[in-house]
């Protein structure tokens, strides 16, 4: 049986852990988006379906209108799209900042 002091202690633990757990659960899915938005300095993206002969460099140059150096944006695109290298394949869909 739980006495009054244990009950108060468990209530306090719940009050402390509840917001922490909620924060962890909410930050998980949004954390990546926020980091990408900061990395690109943008919040808008476009999905592009790769055509034969397309390169990351050409696609970024065609779609990106920001001020950052294109090499930095290409590296961000590679990381955001989990590309192991810069090889693209026809039909592949990648996200680019606009």
N, C-alpha and C. Protein backbone atom coordinates (compact mmCIF):
# COMPACT_ATOMS: atom_id res chain seq x y z
N UNK A 1 0.84 -1.18 0.00
CA UNK A 1 0.00 0.00 0.00
C UNK A 1 0.89 1.25 0.00
N UNK A 2 0.53 2.25 -0.78
CA UNK A 2 1.32 3.48 -0.90
C UNK A 2 0.83 4.47 0.15
N UNK A 3 1.78 5.02 0.92
CA UNK A 3 1.39 6.03 1.90
C UNK A 3 1.34 7.41 1.25
N UNK A 4 0.95 8.42 2.03
CA UNK A 4 0.75 9.76 1.51
C UNK A 4 2.05 10.36 0.96
N UNK A 5 3.19 10.15 1.60
CA UNK A 5 4.46 10.71 1.15
C UNK A 5 4.89 10.08 -0.18
N UNK A 6 4.70 8.76 -0.29
CA UNK A 6 5.05 8.09 -1.55
C UNK A 6 4.14 8.56 -2.67
N UNK A 7 2.88 8.78 -2.36
CA UNK A 7 1.93 9.24 -3.36
C UNK A 7 2.32 10.63 -3.87
N UNK A 8 2.70 11.52 -2.96
CA UNK A 8 3.13 12.86 -3.34
C UNK A 8 4.41 12.78 -4.19
N UNK A 9 5.35 11.93 -3.78
CA UNK A 9 6.59 11.76 -4.51
C UNK A 9 6.33 11.26 -5.93
N UNK A 10 5.47 10.25 -6.07
CA UNK A 10 5.15 9.71 -7.39
C UNK A 10 4.44 10.75 -8.26
N UNK A 11 3.59 11.57 -7.64
CA UNK A 11 2.93 12.63 -8.38
C UNK A 11 3.92 13.66 -8.91
N UNK A 12 4.92 13.99 -8.08
CA UNK A 12 5.94 14.95 -8.49
C UNK A 12 6.78 14.38 -9.63
N UNK A 13 7.11 13.10 -9.54
CA UNK A 13 7.88 12.44 -10.62
C UNK A 13 7.08 12.51 -11.92
N UNK A 14 5.80 12.22 -11.84
CA UNK A 14 4.95 12.29 -13.02
C UNK A 14 4.90 13.69 -13.61
N UNK A 15 4.82 14.70 -12.74
CA UNK A 15 4.79 16.08 -13.22
C UNK A 15 6.09 16.47 -13.91
N UNK A 16 7.20 15.92 -13.45
CA UNK A 16 8.50 16.24 -14.05
C UNK A 16 8.74 15.45 -15.34
N UNK A 17 8.42 14.17 -15.32
CA UNK A 17 8.71 13.32 -16.47
C UNK A 17 7.73 13.51 -17.62
N UNK A 18 6.49 13.87 -17.32
CA UNK A 18 5.48 14.05 -18.37
C UNK A 18 5.90 15.06 -19.43
N UNK A 19 6.23 16.29 -19.04
CA UNK A 19 6.65 17.29 -20.04
C UNK A 19 7.94 16.91 -20.75
N UNK A 20 8.86 16.27 -20.03
CA UNK A 20 10.12 15.86 -20.66
C UNK A 20 9.85 14.82 -21.74
N UNK A 21 9.02 13.83 -21.42
CA UNK A 21 8.69 12.79 -22.40
C UNK A 21 7.94 13.39 -23.59
N UNK A 22 7.00 14.28 -23.32
CA UNK A 22 6.25 14.93 -24.41
C UNK A 22 7.19 15.72 -25.31
N UNK A 23 8.15 16.42 -24.73
CA UNK A 23 9.12 17.20 -25.50
C UNK A 23 9.96 16.29 -26.38
N UNK A 24 10.43 15.19 -25.83
CA UNK A 24 11.24 14.24 -26.61
C UNK A 24 10.44 13.69 -27.78
N UNK A 25 9.18 13.33 -27.53
CA UNK A 25 8.35 12.78 -28.60
C UNK A 25 8.06 13.81 -29.68
N UNK A 26 7.87 15.07 -29.31
CA UNK A 26 7.58 16.10 -30.29
C UNK A 26 8.81 16.55 -31.06
N UNK A 27 9.95 16.60 -30.42
CA UNK A 27 11.16 17.07 -31.09
C UNK A 27 11.66 16.05 -32.10
N UNK A 28 11.45 14.77 -31.84
CA UNK A 28 11.90 13.73 -32.76
C UNK A 28 11.53 14.01 -34.20
N UNK A 29 10.21 14.08 -34.52
CA UNK A 29 9.85 14.30 -35.92
C UNK A 29 10.12 15.71 -36.43
N UNK A 30 10.06 16.73 -35.58
CA UNK A 30 10.26 18.08 -36.07
C UNK A 30 11.72 18.50 -36.06
N UNK A 31 12.51 17.84 -35.25
CA UNK A 31 13.91 18.24 -35.14
C UNK A 31 14.63 18.23 -36.47
N UNK A 32 14.41 17.19 -37.28
CA UNK A 32 15.10 17.09 -38.56
C UNK A 32 14.69 18.23 -39.48
N UNK A 33 13.39 18.47 -39.58
CA UNK A 33 12.93 19.56 -40.44
C UNK A 33 13.54 20.89 -40.04
N UNK A 34 13.56 21.15 -38.75
CA UNK A 34 14.08 22.42 -38.29
C UNK A 34 15.57 22.54 -38.62
N UNK A 35 16.32 21.46 -38.43
CA UNK A 35 17.75 21.49 -38.75
C UNK A 35 17.97 21.70 -40.23
N UNK A 36 17.17 21.08 -41.05
CA UNK A 36 17.33 21.24 -42.49
C UNK A 36 16.99 22.67 -42.89
N UNK A 37 15.93 23.22 -42.31
CA UNK A 37 15.56 24.60 -42.63
C UNK A 37 16.69 25.55 -42.25
N UNK A 38 17.31 25.31 -41.13
CA UNK A 38 18.44 26.15 -40.70
C UNK A 38 19.62 25.94 -41.64
N UNK A 39 19.89 24.69 -41.99
CA UNK A 39 21.04 24.39 -42.84
C UNK A 39 20.90 25.08 -44.20
N UNK A 40 19.70 25.08 -44.76
CA UNK A 40 19.49 25.70 -46.06
C UNK A 40 19.20 27.19 -45.95
N UNK A 41 18.82 27.65 -44.76
CA UNK A 41 18.39 29.03 -44.62
C UNK A 41 17.05 29.23 -45.32
N UNK A 42 16.32 28.17 -45.55
CA UNK A 42 15.05 28.19 -46.27
C UNK A 42 14.04 27.34 -45.51
N UNK A 43 12.79 27.49 -45.89
CA UNK A 43 11.78 26.59 -45.35
C UNK A 43 11.03 25.91 -46.47
N UNK A 44 11.26 26.29 -47.71
CA UNK A 44 10.53 25.70 -48.83
C UNK A 44 11.43 24.76 -49.62
N UNK A 45 10.84 23.62 -49.98
CA UNK A 45 11.57 22.61 -50.75
C UNK A 45 10.73 22.20 -51.93
N UNK A 46 11.36 21.65 -52.91
CA UNK A 46 10.66 21.10 -54.06
C UNK A 46 11.17 19.66 -54.26
N UNK A 47 10.24 18.76 -54.56
CA UNK A 47 10.64 17.39 -54.89
C UNK A 47 10.87 17.33 -56.39
N UNK A 48 11.99 16.77 -56.77
CA UNK A 48 12.35 16.69 -58.18
C UNK A 48 12.57 15.23 -58.55
N UNK A 49 11.93 14.80 -59.63
CA UNK A 49 12.16 13.44 -60.14
C UNK A 49 13.32 13.51 -61.13
N UNK A 50 14.33 12.74 -60.87
CA UNK A 50 15.56 12.75 -61.67
C UNK A 50 15.28 12.17 -63.06
N UNK A 51 15.79 12.89 -64.08
CA UNK A 51 15.71 12.43 -65.47
C UNK A 51 17.09 11.91 -65.89
N UNK A 52 17.15 11.12 -66.93
CA UNK A 52 18.46 10.65 -67.39
C UNK A 52 19.41 11.82 -67.65
N UNK A 53 20.62 11.73 -67.14
CA UNK A 53 21.63 12.75 -67.36
C UNK A 53 21.64 13.86 -66.32
N UNK A 54 20.63 13.92 -65.44
CA UNK A 54 20.61 14.96 -64.40
C UNK A 54 21.76 14.76 -63.43
N UNK A 55 22.28 15.88 -62.93
CA UNK A 55 23.30 15.84 -61.88
C UNK A 55 22.81 16.69 -60.71
N UNK A 56 23.32 16.40 -59.52
CA UNK A 56 22.95 17.19 -58.35
C UNK A 56 23.32 18.65 -58.59
N UNK A 57 24.49 18.87 -59.13
CA UNK A 57 24.96 20.24 -59.39
C UNK A 57 23.97 21.00 -60.27
N UNK A 58 23.57 20.40 -61.39
CA UNK A 58 22.64 21.06 -62.31
C UNK A 58 21.27 21.30 -61.67
N UNK A 59 20.78 20.32 -60.92
CA UNK A 59 19.47 20.47 -60.30
C UNK A 59 19.48 21.57 -59.24
N UNK A 60 20.53 21.62 -58.44
CA UNK A 60 20.64 22.67 -57.43
C UNK A 60 20.74 24.03 -58.12
N UNK A 61 21.58 24.13 -59.14
CA UNK A 61 21.75 25.39 -59.86
C UNK A 61 20.42 25.85 -60.48
N UNK A 62 19.62 24.90 -60.92
CA UNK A 62 18.34 25.22 -61.57
C UNK A 62 17.28 25.68 -60.56
N UNK A 63 17.27 25.09 -59.37
CA UNK A 63 16.17 25.33 -58.43
C UNK A 63 16.51 26.25 -57.27
N UNK A 64 17.76 26.30 -56.85
CA UNK A 64 18.12 27.06 -55.64
C UNK A 64 18.31 28.53 -55.97
N UNK A 65 17.62 29.39 -55.25
CA UNK A 65 17.69 30.84 -55.49
C UNK A 65 18.32 31.60 -54.32
N UNK A 66 18.86 30.87 -53.34
CA UNK A 66 19.40 31.50 -52.15
C UNK A 66 20.79 32.08 -52.36
N UNK A 67 21.36 32.53 -51.27
CA UNK A 67 22.65 33.23 -51.30
C UNK A 67 23.84 32.33 -50.95
N UNK A 68 23.59 31.16 -50.42
CA UNK A 68 24.69 30.30 -49.98
C UNK A 68 25.48 29.77 -51.16
N UNK A 69 26.76 29.50 -50.96
CA UNK A 69 27.57 28.91 -52.03
C UNK A 69 26.98 27.57 -52.49
N UNK A 70 26.98 27.36 -53.79
CA UNK A 70 26.35 26.16 -54.34
C UNK A 70 26.99 24.87 -53.80
N UNK A 71 28.29 24.89 -53.55
CA UNK A 71 28.95 23.69 -53.02
C UNK A 71 28.39 23.31 -51.65
N UNK A 72 28.11 24.30 -50.81
CA UNK A 72 27.55 24.04 -49.49
C UNK A 72 26.13 23.49 -49.60
N UNK A 73 25.36 24.05 -50.53
CA UNK A 73 23.99 23.58 -50.73
C UNK A 73 23.99 22.15 -51.26
N UNK A 74 24.89 21.84 -52.17
CA UNK A 74 24.99 20.48 -52.70
C UNK A 74 25.30 19.49 -51.58
N UNK A 75 26.19 19.84 -50.69
CA UNK A 75 26.52 18.96 -49.56
C UNK A 75 25.30 18.77 -48.66
N UNK A 76 24.55 19.85 -48.42
CA UNK A 76 23.33 19.75 -47.62
C UNK A 76 22.30 18.85 -48.30
N UNK A 77 22.15 19.00 -49.62
CA UNK A 77 21.20 18.17 -50.37
C UNK A 77 21.61 16.71 -50.27
N UNK A 78 22.90 16.45 -50.40
CA UNK A 78 23.40 15.07 -50.28
C UNK A 78 23.06 14.49 -48.91
N UNK A 79 23.31 15.26 -47.86
CA UNK A 79 23.03 14.78 -46.51
C UNK A 79 21.53 14.64 -46.25
N UNK A 80 20.74 15.62 -46.67
CA UNK A 80 19.30 15.60 -46.43
C UNK A 80 18.64 14.41 -47.12
N UNK A 81 19.09 14.11 -48.33
CA UNK A 81 18.49 13.02 -49.11
C UNK A 81 19.17 11.68 -48.87
N UNK A 82 20.10 11.64 -47.91
CA UNK A 82 20.83 10.39 -47.58
C UNK A 82 21.50 9.78 -48.80
N UNK A 83 22.11 10.64 -49.61
CA UNK A 83 22.84 10.15 -50.79
C UNK A 83 24.24 9.74 -50.36
N UNK A 84 24.63 8.52 -50.68
CA UNK A 84 25.97 8.04 -50.33
C UNK A 84 27.03 8.76 -51.16
N UNK A 85 26.65 9.13 -52.37
CA UNK A 85 27.54 9.88 -53.25
C UNK A 85 26.65 10.80 -54.08
N UNK A 86 27.19 11.39 -55.10
CA UNK A 86 26.40 12.31 -55.91
C UNK A 86 25.80 11.67 -57.15
N UNK A 87 25.83 10.35 -57.22
CA UNK A 87 25.22 9.65 -58.35
C UNK A 87 23.71 9.65 -58.21
N UNK A 88 23.03 10.06 -59.28
CA UNK A 88 21.57 10.05 -59.30
C UNK A 88 21.11 9.03 -60.33
N UNK A 89 19.87 8.56 -60.15
CA UNK A 89 19.33 7.54 -61.03
C UNK A 89 17.98 8.00 -61.57
N UNK A 90 17.73 7.80 -62.86
CA UNK A 90 16.44 8.21 -63.42
C UNK A 90 15.28 7.63 -62.62
N UNK A 91 14.31 8.49 -62.32
CA UNK A 91 13.15 8.08 -61.54
C UNK A 91 13.30 8.36 -60.05
N UNK A 92 14.52 8.56 -59.59
CA UNK A 92 14.77 8.88 -58.19
C UNK A 92 14.15 10.24 -57.87
N UNK A 93 13.62 10.40 -56.66
CA UNK A 93 13.04 11.67 -56.24
C UNK A 93 13.92 12.24 -55.13
N UNK A 94 14.35 13.49 -55.30
CA UNK A 94 15.15 14.14 -54.27
C UNK A 94 14.51 15.48 -53.92
N UNK A 95 14.76 15.94 -52.70
CA UNK A 95 14.25 17.23 -52.24
C UNK A 95 15.34 18.27 -52.38
N UNK A 96 14.97 19.43 -52.93
CA UNK A 96 15.91 20.53 -53.12
C UNK A 96 15.34 21.79 -52.50
N UNK A 97 16.20 22.64 -51.93
CA UNK A 97 15.70 23.94 -51.45
C UNK A 97 15.41 24.83 -52.65
N UNK A 98 14.43 25.72 -52.49
CA UNK A 98 14.11 26.64 -53.58
C UNK A 98 14.40 28.07 -53.17
